[in-house]
Amino acid sequence: METVIGRRIRPELSSSLGGSWDVRWCRSLEWSPLRQEKKARLSFSHLAGKATCLPRGGVTMSTRPPMRPPGSVPAVLLGFQPARAFTGALCLQQSSLNKNLNGYHASGTPAHPPETAHMSVRKSTGDPQNLGSSSPGKKHSKENTITINCVTFPHPDTMPEQQLLKPTEWSYCDYFWADKKDPQGNGTVAGFELLLQKQLKGKQMQKEMSEFIRERIKIEEDYAKNLAKLSQNSLAAQEEGSLGEAWAQVKKSLADEAEVHLKFSSKLHSEVEKPLMNFRENFKKDMKKCDHHIADLRKQLASRYVAVEKARKALTERQRDLEMKTQQLEIKLSNKTEEDIKKARRKSTQAGDDLMRCVDLYNQAQSKWFEEMVTTTLELERLEVERVEMIRQHLCQYTQLRHETDMFNQSTVEPVDQLLRKVDPAKDRELWVREHKTGNIRPVDMEI
């Protein structure tokens, strides 16, 4: 019996990654009858906190190892084989990218140091050598997955080198899958939380830039006000001639310059400060919604992981109970042992089914979290690029206005330069003498 549950990743995620991904969850159950032989022996091998039932004496079991998805959420490999054997598998079909696994860099190194988070290692028991061996002491299975803070990653020692989702771009969607040790405490900070902090810090920097421009505007306004006031000063107002004209133009140029700076401050407010202040007014509120959404998915993933561990523990207990009753049958302690074995076998099979169901729910939760992480980190990446470009454009507008102001200021000084070049002391003297002369008859000597 085989059940396939398929769904396609949202179009915006697919287009962002440059291809169409088709994720299919495949679960297969393979049943083989257990021969009722009185002398059949069952040996148990406990691997990583779970019991694996290894039958002997003509018992047919599935030897197909669990498959791992090369490009989606890593599966929690089932670490058990009940009396009626079954195996769990995850299958993924993709059309563009291969071997993309979240949580690792292209070098194959884990994106999170193991010592900073709670980890558990899962092993695959689907190795044919292990299943067919009569010596359970020999472990041929390798560690395939490692679970860090309830997120399952491929084990770095057994998984091939990973290809990044967006190679050469240093994209957010490739480098923030694991948690990071909190430098201010003993806990950890999720990679997505670091991205949110980056976004909120960018919003704060944008606000501070706007406040800086406002201070610049205030300085310009005060400067223009003082220039206008100074231009009305009566100092040296009685200067005459061409020099007096040049001096009057100097005072007039101050009034013109004051007008230029007033216009500059007004444009700074409307074209630089205001857009910076009003850009994404509801950004913090939107980021909180985004944070809560991802946090809820992570909490759901953690609860699914707890359910998996609980089901795994329950299966181990059922296997031990089955083993104990099988041993009682061998020494014929009770006539009800065979009936008890059937009952224990049913409970063991039910426990295995429960574990399969919990693993499926966990993988679905992790798949949902994975998809939302990729989609949301790409959106945060786009927002950051948009923010930087917006600030760059408005700062360019600031420099453009500054150049224009300098040009206008220069135009206010040009008339002064022209009049200063025309200052002629001799001409000024002539004009003054003509206006103020008292007579041109010089005195002579007195005669006797």
Protein backbone atom coordinates (compact mmCIF):
# COMPACT_ATOMS: atom_id res chain seq x y z
CA MET A 1 0.00 0.00 0.00
CA GLU A 2 1.42 3.41 -0.92
CA THR A 3 0.06 6.83 -0.17
CA VAL A 4 1.39 9.93 -1.89
CA ILE A 5 0.57 13.40 -0.66
CA GLY A 6 1.83 16.09 -3.04
CA ARG A 7 1.78 19.88 -3.06
CA ARG A 8 3.65 22.54 -4.97
CA ILE A 9 5.65 25.31 -3.36
CA ARG A 10 4.08 28.73 -3.78
CA PRO A 11 4.83 30.45 -7.11
CA GLU A 12 6.66 33.43 -5.63
CA LEU A 13 9.10 31.13 -3.83
CA SER A 14 9.59 29.06 -6.96
CA SER A 15 10.32 32.10 -9.11
CA SER A 16 12.68 33.56 -6.48
CA LEU A 17 14.73 30.39 -6.53
CA GLY A 18 14.81 30.25 -10.30
CA GLY A 19 12.83 27.08 -10.86
CA SER A 20 9.74 24.98 -10.08
CA TRP A 21 9.94 22.72 -7.07
CA ASP A 22 7.50 19.90 -6.56
CA VAL A 23 7.55 18.46 -3.08
CA ARG A 24 5.94 15.08 -2.59
CA TRP A 25 5.69 13.30 0.66
CA CYS A 26 5.84 9.56 -0.04
CA ARG A 27 5.10 6.98 2.57
CA SER A 28 5.24 3.29 1.85
CA LEU A 29 4.25 0.46 4.13
CA GLU A 30 5.64 -2.96 3.39
CA TRP A 31 4.16 -5.87 5.30
CA SER A 32 5.58 -9.35 5.50
CA PRO A 33 4.03 -12.18 7.45
CA LEU A 34 5.84 -13.37 10.49
CA ARG A 35 6.18 -17.10 10.58
CA GLN A 36 4.90 -18.55 13.79
CA GLU A 37 7.83 -20.70 14.73
CA LYS A 38 8.19 -21.77 18.30
CA LYS A 39 11.96 -21.43 18.25
CA ALA A 40 12.07 -18.11 16.44
CA ARG A 41 14.38 -15.79 18.26
CA LEU A 42 14.16 -12.03 18.39
CA SER A 43 17.11 -9.94 19.34
CA PHE A 44 16.98 -6.24 20.09
CA SER A 45 19.52 -3.60 19.35
CA HIS A 46 19.01 -0.21 20.95
CA LEU A 47 20.32 2.56 18.76
CA ALA A 48 20.24 6.19 19.90
CA GLY A 49 17.48 5.59 22.46
CA LYS A 50 15.20 3.44 20.30
CA ALA A 51 14.71 -0.30 19.93
CA THR A 52 15.18 -2.09 16.64
CA CYS A 53 13.65 -5.54 16.33
CA LEU A 54 15.87 -7.89 14.34
CA PRO A 55 14.08 -11.19 13.58
CA ARG A 56 15.85 -14.41 12.80
CA GLY A 57 14.83 -17.63 11.17
CA GLY A 58 13.18 -16.99 7.83
CA VAL A 59 11.45 -13.69 8.62
CA THR A 60 11.09 -11.48 5.56
CA MET A 61 11.58 -7.76 6.15
CA SER A 62 11.99 -4.67 4.04
CA THR A 63 15.61 -3.82 3.31
CA ARG A 64 15.02 -0.64 1.37
CA PRO A 65 16.81 2.18 3.20
CA PRO A 66 14.86 5.36 3.89
CA MET A 67 15.30 7.92 1.15
CA ARG A 68 16.30 11.48 1.94
CA PRO A 69 15.05 14.54 0.12
CA PRO A 70 17.93 16.13 -1.77
CA GLY A 71 16.47 19.60 -1.74
CA SER A 72 13.76 20.06 0.88
CA VAL A 73 13.26 19.57 4.54
CA PRO A 74 15.36 16.72 5.90
CA ALA A 75 13.31 13.86 7.24
CA VAL A 76 13.48 12.39 10.69
CA LEU A 77 14.55 8.89 9.83
CA LEU A 78 12.56 6.18 11.50
CA GLY A 79 14.74 4.29 13.93
CA PHE A 80 12.63 1.18 14.48
CA GLN A 81 11.45 -2.06 12.87
CA PRO A 82 8.31 -3.55 14.54
CA ALA A 83 7.29 -7.20 14.26
CA ARG A 84 5.50 -6.37 11.02
CA ALA A 85 8.17 -4.36 9.36
CA PHE A 86 7.66 -1.07 7.61
CA THR A 87 9.88 1.76 6.51
CA GLY A 88 9.25 5.49 6.06
CA ALA A 89 10.55 7.55 3.22
CA LEU A 90 10.52 11.07 1.93
CA CYS A 91 10.71 11.66 -1.81
CA LEU A 92 11.30 14.98 -3.52
CA GLN A 93 11.11 15.84 -7.21
CA GLN A 94 12.66 19.11 -8.38
CA SER A 95 13.16 20.54 -11.84
CA SER A 96 15.96 23.04 -11.36
CA LEU A 97 18.02 22.73 -8.20
CA ASN A 98 19.52 19.55 -6.82
CA LYS A 99 20.95 18.71 -3.45
CA ASN A 100 19.78 21.94 -1.77
CA LEU A 101 19.39 21.32 1.94
CA ASN A 102 18.56 24.05 4.40
CA GLY A 103 20.98 24.74 7.18
CA TYR A 104 24.34 24.13 5.48
CA HIS A 105 26.78 26.13 3.42
CA ALA A 106 28.15 25.02 0.09
CA SER A 107 31.26 23.80 1.84
CA GLY A 108 29.18 21.19 3.63
CA THR A 109 29.87 22.64 7.07
CA PRO A 110 26.98 23.09 9.47
CA ALA A 111 25.57 26.57 9.76
CA HIS A 112 25.32 26.21 13.50
CA PRO A 113 27.96 25.08 16.01
CA PRO A 114 26.77 21.87 17.69
CA GLU A 115 27.78 22.99 21.17
CA THR A 116 25.36 25.91 21.23
CA ALA A 117 22.07 24.04 21.05
CA HIS A 118 20.29 20.90 22.06
CA MET A 119 21.12 18.15 19.60
CA SER A 120 20.03 14.61 18.96
CA VAL A 121 21.38 12.24 16.34
CA ARG A 122 19.17 9.81 14.39
CA LYS A 123 20.46 6.74 12.61
CA SER A 124 18.96 4.81 9.76
CA THR A 125 18.24 1.17 10.53
CA GLY A 126 17.34 0.33 6.98
CA ASP A 127 20.83 -0.91 6.18
CA PRO A 128 20.53 -4.38 4.62
CA GLN A 129 23.67 -5.52 6.36
CA ASN A 130 22.20 -4.65 9.71
CA LEU A 131 18.84 -6.24 9.01
CA GLY A 132 20.26 -9.50 7.76
CA SER A 133 22.96 -9.83 10.34
CA SER A 134 22.60 -12.32 13.16
CA SER A 135 24.99 -10.32 15.30
CA PRO A 136 23.26 -7.19 16.55
CA GLY A 137 26.49 -6.02 18.16
CA LYS A 138 27.87 -4.95 14.76
CA LYS A 139 26.51 -1.55 13.80
CA HIS A 140 26.71 -0.83 10.09
CA SER A 141 24.28 2.12 10.05
CA LYS A 142 25.60 5.64 9.81
CA GLU A 143 24.36 8.84 11.37
CA ASN A 144 22.20 10.51 8.74
CA THR A 145 20.54 13.41 10.55
CA ILE A 146 21.22 15.69 13.44
CA THR A 147 18.46 17.56 15.28
CA ILE A 148 19.30 20.98 16.72
CA ASN A 149 16.60 22.79 18.69
CA CYS A 150 13.90 20.60 17.12
CA VAL A 151 15.10 21.31 13.55
CA THR A 152 16.49 18.36 11.61
CA PHE A 153 19.61 18.89 9.50
CA PRO A 154 21.64 16.42 7.45
CA HIS A 155 24.62 15.06 9.32
CA PRO A 156 27.82 16.71 7.99
CA ASP A 157 29.75 13.43 8.07
CA THR A 158 27.36 11.52 5.79
CA MET A 159 25.70 14.10 3.56
CA PRO A 160 27.26 15.30 0.30
CA GLU A 161 28.23 18.90 -0.25
CA GLN A 162 25.23 21.19 -0.52
CA GLN A 163 24.49 23.70 -3.22
CA LEU A 164 23.17 27.06 -2.07
CA LEU A 165 19.68 28.12 -3.10
CA LYS A 166 21.08 31.35 -4.58
CA PRO A 167 24.80 30.79 -5.16
CA THR A 168 27.20 33.77 -5.26
CA GLU A 169 24.51 36.16 -3.96
CA TRP A 170 25.00 35.84 -0.18
CA SER A 171 21.24 35.64 0.08
CA TYR A 172 19.40 35.65 3.39
CA CYS A 173 17.64 32.42 2.41
CA ASP A 174 20.93 30.48 2.52
CA TYR A 175 22.68 31.54 5.71
CA PHE A 176 20.15 31.84 8.57
CA TRP A 177 18.72 28.36 9.11
CA ALA A 178 20.39 27.48 12.40
CA ASP A 179 20.24 29.23 15.77
CA LYS A 180 23.09 31.31 17.14
CA LYS A 181 24.33 31.54 20.70
CA ASP A 182 23.03 34.63 22.43
CA PRO A 183 26.08 36.74 23.42
CA GLN A 184 24.06 38.33 26.24
CA GLY A 185 22.86 35.09 27.80
CA ASN A 186 23.00 31.32 27.82
CA GLY A 187 20.19 30.81 25.30
CA THR A 188 20.11 30.95 21.53
CA VAL A 189 18.79 33.41 18.98
CA ALA A 190 17.02 32.11 15.87
CA GLY A 191 18.55 33.05 12.54
CA PHE A 192 15.29 34.66 11.50
CA GLU A 193 15.37 36.81 14.63
CA LEU A 194 18.75 38.17 13.55
CA LEU A 195 17.24 39.16 10.21
CA LEU A 196 14.38 40.94 11.97
CA GLN A 197 16.84 42.79 14.18
CA LYS A 198 18.69 43.86 11.05
CA GLN A 199 15.46 45.19 9.54
CA LEU A 200 14.46 47.07 12.69
CA LYS A 201 17.96 48.50 13.02
CA GLY A 202 17.73 49.69 9.42
CA LYS A 203 14.43 51.41 10.25
CA GLN A 204 16.08 53.10 13.24
CA MET A 205 19.04 54.24 11.12
CA GLN A 206 16.60 55.67 8.59
CA LYS A 207 14.82 57.58 11.37
CA GLU A 208 18.10 58.97 12.71
CA MET A 209 19.11 60.10 9.22
CA SER A 210 15.82 61.96 8.97
CA GLU A 211 16.50 63.64 12.33
CA PHE A 212 19.98 64.60 11.10
CA ILE A 213 18.50 66.27 8.02
CA ARG A 214 16.01 68.08 10.26
CA GLU A 215 18.90 69.52 12.27
CA ARG A 216 20.53 70.57 9.02
CA ILE A 217 17.31 72.32 8.00
CA LYS A 218 17.18 74.14 11.34
CA ILE A 219 20.74 75.36 10.87
CA GLU A 220 19.90 76.58 7.36
CA GLU A 221 16.81 78.42 8.61
CA ASP A 222 18.72 80.09 11.44
CA TYR A 223 21.52 80.98 9.05
CA ALA A 224 19.09 82.51 6.56
CA LYS A 225 17.37 84.47 9.32
CA ASN A 226 20.67 85.88 10.57
CA LEU A 227 21.80 86.75 7.06
CA ALA A 228 18.57 88.65 6.38
CA LYS A 229 18.93 90.50 9.66
CA LEU A 230 22.53 91.39 8.93
CA SER A 231 21.65 92.69 5.49
CA GLN A 232 19.46 95.36 7.15
CA ASN A 233 22.30 96.62 9.31
CA SER A 234 23.17 100.32 8.79
CA LEU A 235 26.87 99.98 9.38
CA ALA A 236 28.95 101.85 6.76
CA ALA A 237 25.78 103.06 5.10
CA GLN A 238 27.33 106.48 4.49
CA GLU A 239 30.08 105.16 2.23
CA GLU A 240 30.04 107.07 -1.08
CA GLY A 241 31.13 106.64 -4.63
CA SER A 242 31.81 103.40 -6.43
CA LEU A 243 33.02 101.82 -3.21
CA GLY A 244 29.74 102.77 -1.56
CA GLU A 245 27.84 101.07 -4.41
CA ALA A 246 29.95 97.93 -4.00
CA TRP A 247 29.34 97.95 -0.23
CA ALA A 248 25.58 98.30 -0.73
CA GLN A 249 25.69 95.32 -3.11
CA VAL A 250 27.50 93.28 -0.48
CA LYS A 251 24.65 93.91 1.94
CA LYS A 252 22.06 93.13 -0.74
CA SER A 253 23.86 89.88 -1.60
CA LEU A 254 23.36 88.79 2.02
CA ALA A 255 19.61 89.19 1.62
CA ASP A 256 19.73 87.22 -1.65
CA GLU A 257 21.81 84.49 -0.02
CA ALA A 258 19.35 84.33 2.87
CA GLU A 259 16.56 83.69 0.35
CA VAL A 260 18.62 80.94 -1.28
CA HIS A 261 19.16 79.18 2.04
CA LEU A 262 15.49 79.45 2.92
CA LYS A 263 14.59 77.74 -0.36
CA PHE A 264 17.29 75.12 0.29
CA SER A 265 15.89 74.34 3.75
CA SER A 266 12.36 74.10 2.36
CA LYS A 267 13.42 71.65 -0.35
CA LEU A 268 15.40 69.62 2.18
CA HIS A 269 12.23 69.22 4.23
CA SER A 270 9.97 68.24 1.34
CA GLU A 271 12.39 66.20 -0.77
CA VAL A 272 14.70 64.57 1.79
CA GLU A 273 13.61 64.71 5.44
CA LYS A 274 9.92 64.01 5.00
CA PRO A 275 10.34 61.01 2.64
CA LEU A 276 12.92 59.50 4.99
CA MET A 277 10.63 59.93 7.98
CA ASN A 278 7.48 58.66 6.29
CA PHE A 279 9.04 55.68 4.48
CA ARG A 280 7.33 52.53 5.80
CA GLU A 281 5.45 54.14 8.67
CA ASN A 282 3.94 50.76 9.66
CA PHE A 283 7.19 48.86 9.21
CA LYS A 284 7.56 47.83 12.86
CA LYS A 285 3.99 46.59 12.98
CA ASP A 286 4.51 44.56 9.79
CA MET A 287 7.75 43.09 11.15
CA LYS A 288 5.98 42.02 14.35
CA LYS A 289 3.34 40.20 12.34
CA CYS A 290 6.06 38.49 10.34
CA ASP A 291 7.95 37.56 13.52
CA HIS A 292 4.84 36.07 15.13
CA HIS A 293 4.06 34.06 12.01
CA ILE A 294 7.49 32.43 11.81
CA ALA A 295 7.62 31.98 15.60
CA ASP A 296 4.28 30.17 15.56
CA LEU A 297 5.53 27.82 12.85
CA ARG A 298 8.67 27.15 14.87
CA LYS A 299 6.61 26.43 17.99
CA GLN A 300 4.43 24.05 16.00
CA LEU A 301 7.57 22.32 14.73
CA ALA A 302 8.86 21.97 18.30
CA SER A 303 5.57 20.46 19.46
CA ARG A 304 5.65 17.98 16.55
CA TYR A 305 9.19 17.01 17.50
CA VAL A 306 8.12 16.39 21.09
CA ALA A 307 5.30 14.19 19.79
CA VAL A 308 7.79 12.22 17.66
CA GLU A 309 10.07 11.59 20.64
CA LYS A 310 7.10 10.56 22.76
CA ALA A 311 5.89 8.14 20.08
CA ARG A 312 9.42 6.80 19.66
CA LYS A 313 9.64 6.14 23.39
CA ALA A 314 6.24 4.45 23.36
CA LEU A 315 7.34 2.18 20.52
CA THR A 316 10.47 1.22 22.42
CA GLU A 317 8.39 0.25 25.42
CA ARG A 318 6.02 -1.83 23.27
CA GLN A 319 9.00 -3.59 21.69
CA ARG A 320 10.44 -4.41 25.06
CA ASP A 321 7.09 -5.76 26.20
CA LEU A 322 6.90 -7.90 23.06
CA GLU A 323 10.42 -9.16 23.66
CA MET A 324 9.61 -10.08 27.24
CA LYS A 325 6.48 -12.00 26.26
CA THR A 326 8.39 -13.79 23.48
CA GLN A 327 10.95 -14.96 26.00
CA GLN A 328 8.16 -16.16 28.28
CA LEU A 329 6.77 -18.17 25.37
CA GLU A 330 10.11 -19.89 24.87
CA ILE A 331 10.22 -21.11 28.44
CA LYS A 332 6.44 -21.73 28.52
CA LEU A 333 5.72 -19.83 31.70
CA SER A 334 2.05 -19.35 30.89
CA ASN A 335 -0.59 -20.76 28.58
CA LYS A 336 -1.78 -17.26 27.83
CA THR A 337 1.60 -16.19 26.51
CA GLU A 338 0.72 -16.69 22.83
CA GLU A 339 -2.41 -14.59 23.22
CA ASP A 340 -0.43 -11.99 25.09
CA ILE A 341 2.14 -11.97 22.28
CA LYS A 342 -0.56 -11.29 19.70
CA LYS A 343 -1.88 -8.47 21.83
CA ALA A 344 1.64 -7.08 22.37
CA ARG A 345 2.33 -7.37 18.64
CA ARG A 346 -0.81 -5.38 17.84
CA LYS A 347 0.19 -2.69 20.32
CA SER A 348 3.70 -2.63 18.89
CA THR A 349 2.35 -2.25 15.36
CA GLN A 350 -0.02 0.50 16.54
CA ALA A 351 2.89 2.26 18.23
CA GLY A 352 4.81 2.05 14.97
CA ASP A 353 1.90 3.50 13.07
CA ASP A 354 1.63 6.31 15.62
CA LEU A 355 5.32 7.07 15.19
CA MET A 356 4.93 7.10 11.42
CA ARG A 357 2.04 9.52 11.74
CA CYS A 358 3.99 11.78 14.13
CA VAL A 359 6.99 11.79 11.82
CA ASP A 360 4.77 12.67 8.86
CA LEU A 361 3.22 15.56 10.82
CA TYR A 362 6.68 16.71 11.90
CA ASN A 363 7.97 16.66 8.34
CA GLN A 364 4.93 18.55 7.12
CA ALA A 365 5.43 21.18 9.84
CA GLN A 366 9.11 21.48 8.99
CA SER A 367 8.29 21.72 5.29
CA LYS A 368 5.84 24.54 5.99
CA TRP A 369 8.41 26.32 8.16
CA PHE A 370 11.06 25.83 5.48
CA GLU A 371 8.87 27.29 2.73
CA GLU A 372 7.82 30.27 4.86
CA MET A 373 11.42 30.88 5.89
CA VAL A 374 12.61 30.98 2.28
CA THR A 375 9.72 33.17 1.19
CA THR A 376 10.00 35.56 4.14
CA THR A 377 13.80 35.87 4.08
CA LEU A 378 13.68 36.68 0.39
CA GLU A 379 11.06 39.33 1.13
CA LEU A 380 13.23 40.78 3.91
CA GLU A 381 16.13 40.80 1.49
CA ARG A 382 14.04 42.71 -1.04
CA LEU A 383 12.92 45.20 1.61
CA GLU A 384 16.51 45.84 2.66
CA VAL A 385 17.60 46.48 -0.91
CA GLU A 386 14.64 48.81 -1.34
CA ARG A 387 15.50 50.70 1.86
CA VAL A 388 19.15 51.18 0.90
CA GLU A 389 18.22 52.33 -2.59
CA MET A 390 15.65 54.76 -1.22
CA ILE A 391 18.14 56.34 1.19
CA ARG A 392 20.80 56.51 -1.51
CA GLN A 393 18.44 58.32 -3.88
CA HIS A 394 17.42 60.89 -1.27
CA LEU A 395 20.99 61.53 -0.21
CA CYS A 396 21.81 62.08 -3.86
CA GLN A 397 18.94 64.58 -3.90
CA TYR A 398 20.53 66.27 -0.89
CA THR A 399 23.86 66.68 -2.67
CA GLN A 400 22.08 67.93 -5.78
CA LEU A 401 20.26 70.59 -3.74
CA ARG A 402 23.54 71.48 -2.11
CA HIS A 403 25.19 72.01 -5.50
CA GLU A 404 22.26 74.15 -6.59
CA THR A 405 22.53 76.21 -3.41
CA ASP A 406 26.22 76.80 -4.01
CA MET A 407 25.44 77.82 -7.58
CA PHE A 408 22.76 80.30 -6.44
CA ASN A 409 25.08 81.65 -3.75
CA GLN A 410 27.70 82.18 -6.39
CA SER A 411 25.19 84.13 -8.46
CA THR A 412 24.55 86.46 -5.51
CA VAL A 413 28.26 87.25 -5.27
CA GLU A 414 28.82 87.94 -8.97
CA PRO A 415 27.28 91.45 -8.88
CA VAL A 416 29.54 92.28 -5.97
CA ASP A 417 32.55 91.15 -7.97
CA GLN A 418 31.50 93.28 -10.92
CA LEU A 419 31.12 96.41 -8.80
CA LEU A 420 34.36 95.81 -6.98
CA ARG A 421 36.18 95.69 -10.31
CA LYS A 422 34.70 99.11 -11.10
CA VAL A 423 35.86 100.79 -7.91
CA ASP A 424 38.01 103.77 -8.93
CA PRO A 425 39.47 105.95 -6.16
CA ALA A 426 40.16 108.80 -8.54
CA LYS A 427 36.60 108.83 -9.84
CA ASP A 428 35.27 108.66 -6.33
CA ARG A 429 37.43 111.61 -5.42
CA GLU A 430 36.16 113.60 -8.40
CA LEU A 431 32.56 112.95 -7.55
CA TRP A 432 33.05 113.82 -3.97
CA VAL A 433 34.95 116.99 -4.75
CA ARG A 434 32.32 118.11 -7.24
CA GLU A 435 29.66 117.65 -4.64
CA HIS A 436 31.45 119.07 -1.66
CA LYS A 437 33.96 121.58 -3.09
CA THR A 438 34.18 124.99 -1.36
CA GLY A 439 36.17 126.82 -3.96
CA ASN A 440 39.07 126.41 -6.29
CA ILE A 441 40.78 129.89 -5.78
CA ARG A 442 43.95 129.32 -3.87
CA PRO A 443 45.28 131.81 -1.33
CA VAL A 444 48.14 134.21 -2.32
CA ASP A 445 50.74 136.28 -0.37
CA MET A 446 49.70 139.46 1.32
CA GLU A 447 50.97 142.64 -0.25
CA ILE A 448 52.37 145.66 1.70
